[in-house]
Amino acid sequence: MDMTDQQYDRYVSERAQPSPLWKDCLWAFCVGGAICAGGQGLMALYQSWGAGKEDAGTWTSITLIFLASLLTGLGVFDSIAKRAGAGTLVPITGFSNAMVSPALEFKSEGFITGTGAKLFTVAGPVLAYGISASVIYGIVWYIIGLF
């Protein structure tokens, strides 16, 4: 079946269902906001238990990573992400999901060649870019400080 680009575009547009953009944006906003509000609540809870601001922030991060990993392992995080889309990509929970998902997917191949090798499939480039960018930023900041 040979089609020109215009015929293919017309074919796709006739069959594609329109995306409920405003509804999707509202869901993403509400779920992302709920994750952030939950994190803020955890921080307040840890501070009320006597932790300092920095320690409470650390424990909040650990808790959010743990919960996102647990929900990913149970298959709940993916269900939430299907509905909320980008709202679940709040940095710490989205990164946790990105680390755990490939590890779970390839666990049948063993700890080294499966989980270990695939653990950084998604997160590896993010880490490499983040580390590289921070080194470049530090060098530029150092050079500016010399003047």
Protein backbone atom coordinates (compact mmCIF):
# COMPACT_ATOMS: atom_id res chain seq x y z
CA MET A 1 0.00 0.00 0.00
CA ASP A 2 1.75 3.11 -1.27
CA MET A 3 0.66 6.44 0.19
CA THR A 4 1.97 9.91 -0.19
CA ASP A 5 2.74 11.92 2.92
CA GLN A 6 -0.44 13.92 2.46
CA GLN A 7 -2.57 10.79 2.09
CA TYR A 8 -1.02 9.30 5.19
CA ASP A 9 -1.61 12.50 7.19
CA ARG A 10 -5.24 12.52 6.09
CA TYR A 11 -5.57 8.80 6.95
CA VAL A 12 -4.17 9.34 10.45
CA SER A 13 -6.22 12.47 11.16
CA GLU A 14 -9.43 10.67 10.14
CA ARG A 15 -8.79 7.82 12.56
CA ALA A 16 -7.08 9.58 15.45
CA GLN A 17 -9.23 10.42 18.41
CA PRO A 18 -8.84 13.94 19.73
CA SER A 19 -7.03 14.20 23.03
CA PRO A 20 -8.98 15.78 25.90
CA LEU A 21 -6.19 18.30 26.48
CA TRP A 22 -7.76 20.31 29.30
CA LYS A 23 -8.87 17.21 31.16
CA ASP A 24 -5.38 15.70 30.82
CA CYS A 25 -3.76 18.92 32.03
CA LEU A 26 -6.11 19.08 35.02
CA TRP A 27 -5.33 15.47 35.98
CA ALA A 28 -1.57 16.07 35.65
CA PHE A 29 -1.81 19.24 37.73
CA CYS A 30 -3.88 17.58 40.47
CA VAL A 31 -1.79 14.42 40.74
CA GLY A 32 1.53 16.30 40.58
CA GLY A 33 0.22 18.76 43.15
CA ALA A 34 -0.93 15.91 45.39
CA ILE A 35 2.53 14.32 45.23
CA CYS A 36 4.15 17.64 46.10
CA ALA A 37 1.64 18.35 48.87
CA GLY A 38 2.24 14.86 50.24
CA GLY A 39 5.97 15.51 50.22
CA GLN A 40 5.44 18.79 52.05
CA GLY A 41 3.22 16.99 54.56
CA LEU A 42 5.90 14.36 55.12
CA MET A 43 8.48 17.09 55.67
CA ALA A 44 6.25 18.78 58.25
CA LEU A 45 5.64 15.42 59.93
CA TYR A 46 9.35 14.65 60.18
CA GLN A 47 10.06 18.12 61.52
CA SER A 48 7.33 17.69 64.12
CA TRP A 49 9.09 14.50 65.21
CA GLY A 50 12.19 16.58 65.92
CA ALA A 51 14.19 16.35 62.70
CA GLY A 52 15.92 19.49 61.46
CA LYS A 53 14.93 20.98 58.12
CA GLU A 54 17.78 19.31 56.22
CA ASP A 55 17.23 15.91 57.86
CA ALA A 56 13.48 16.15 57.30
CA GLY A 57 14.14 16.88 53.61
CA THR A 58 16.38 13.83 53.38
CA TRP A 59 13.81 11.57 55.02
CA THR A 60 11.08 12.99 52.79
CA SER A 61 13.13 12.18 49.70
CA ILE A 62 13.82 8.66 50.96
CA THR A 63 10.13 8.11 51.71
CA LEU A 64 8.98 9.37 48.30
CA ILE A 65 11.55 7.20 46.52
CA PHE A 66 10.50 4.18 48.56
CA LEU A 67 6.78 4.75 47.95
CA ALA A 68 7.24 5.31 44.21
CA SER A 69 9.40 2.16 43.98
CA LEU A 70 6.89 0.13 45.98
CA LEU A 71 3.96 1.36 43.88
CA THR A 72 5.94 0.60 40.70
CA GLY A 73 6.64 -2.92 41.92
CA LEU A 74 2.97 -3.46 42.74
CA GLY A 75 1.90 -2.10 39.33
CA VAL A 76 -0.04 0.76 40.89
CA PHE A 77 2.29 3.56 39.74
CA ASP A 78 1.73 2.67 36.06
CA SER A 79 -2.04 2.83 36.54
CA ILE A 80 -1.72 6.27 38.11
CA ALA A 81 0.65 7.40 35.34
CA LYS A 82 -1.77 6.29 32.61
CA ARG A 83 -4.37 8.61 34.06
CA ALA A 84 -2.19 11.48 35.26
CA GLY A 85 0.51 11.50 32.60
CA ALA A 86 3.17 14.10 33.30
CA GLY A 87 1.78 14.68 36.79
CA THR A 88 3.63 11.59 37.98
CA LEU A 89 6.91 12.88 36.60
CA VAL A 90 7.49 15.03 39.65
CA PRO A 91 11.25 14.61 39.65
CA ILE A 92 11.88 12.25 42.54
CA THR A 93 8.95 9.90 41.99
CA GLY A 94 9.37 9.83 38.22
CA PHE A 95 13.08 9.10 38.56
CA SER A 96 12.37 6.32 41.04
CA ASN A 97 9.87 4.80 38.62
CA ALA A 98 12.39 5.12 35.76
CA MET A 99 14.96 3.19 37.80
CA VAL A 100 12.68 0.41 39.07
CA SER A 101 10.68 -0.32 35.88
CA PRO A 102 13.57 -1.66 33.74
CA ALA A 103 14.96 -3.56 36.72
CA LEU A 104 11.62 -5.34 37.19
CA GLU A 105 11.19 -5.97 33.49
CA PHE A 106 14.52 -7.76 33.12
CA LYS A 107 14.77 -9.53 36.50
CA SER A 108 14.09 -12.89 34.85
CA GLU A 109 17.44 -12.58 33.04
CA GLY A 110 19.33 -12.61 36.36
CA PHE A 111 20.84 -10.05 38.71
CA ILE A 112 23.89 -9.18 36.60
CA THR A 113 22.77 -9.47 32.97
CA GLY A 114 19.16 -8.55 33.68
CA THR A 115 18.54 -6.23 36.59
CA GLY A 116 22.08 -4.86 36.88
CA ALA A 117 22.54 -4.24 33.17
CA LYS A 118 19.10 -2.72 32.57
CA LEU A 119 18.77 -0.73 35.81
CA PHE A 120 20.25 2.38 34.22
CA THR A 121 18.66 2.00 30.76
CA VAL A 122 16.42 5.02 31.22
CA ALA A 123 18.14 6.76 34.11
CA GLY A 124 21.70 6.32 32.82
CA PRO A 125 21.54 9.06 30.19
CA VAL A 126 19.85 11.35 32.70
CA LEU A 127 22.63 10.76 35.20
CA ALA A 128 25.35 11.20 32.57
CA TYR A 129 23.81 14.45 31.34
CA GLY A 130 23.23 15.76 34.86
CA ILE A 131 26.75 15.00 36.02
CA SER A 132 28.30 16.42 32.84
CA ALA A 133 26.20 19.57 33.02
CA SER A 134 27.07 20.11 36.69
CA VAL A 135 30.80 19.73 35.98
CA ILE A 136 30.62 22.22 33.10
CA TYR A 137 28.57 24.61 35.24
CA GLY A 138 31.13 24.32 38.06
CA ILE A 139 34.02 25.04 35.71
CA VAL A 140 32.24 28.07 34.24
CA TRP A 141 31.36 29.29 37.74
CA TYR A 142 34.99 28.86 38.83
CA ILE A 143 36.29 30.76 35.80
CA ILE A 144 33.81 33.61 36.39
CA GLY A 145 34.95 33.73 40.01
CA LEU A 146 38.53 34.31 38.90
CA PHE A 147 37.63 37.68 37.40
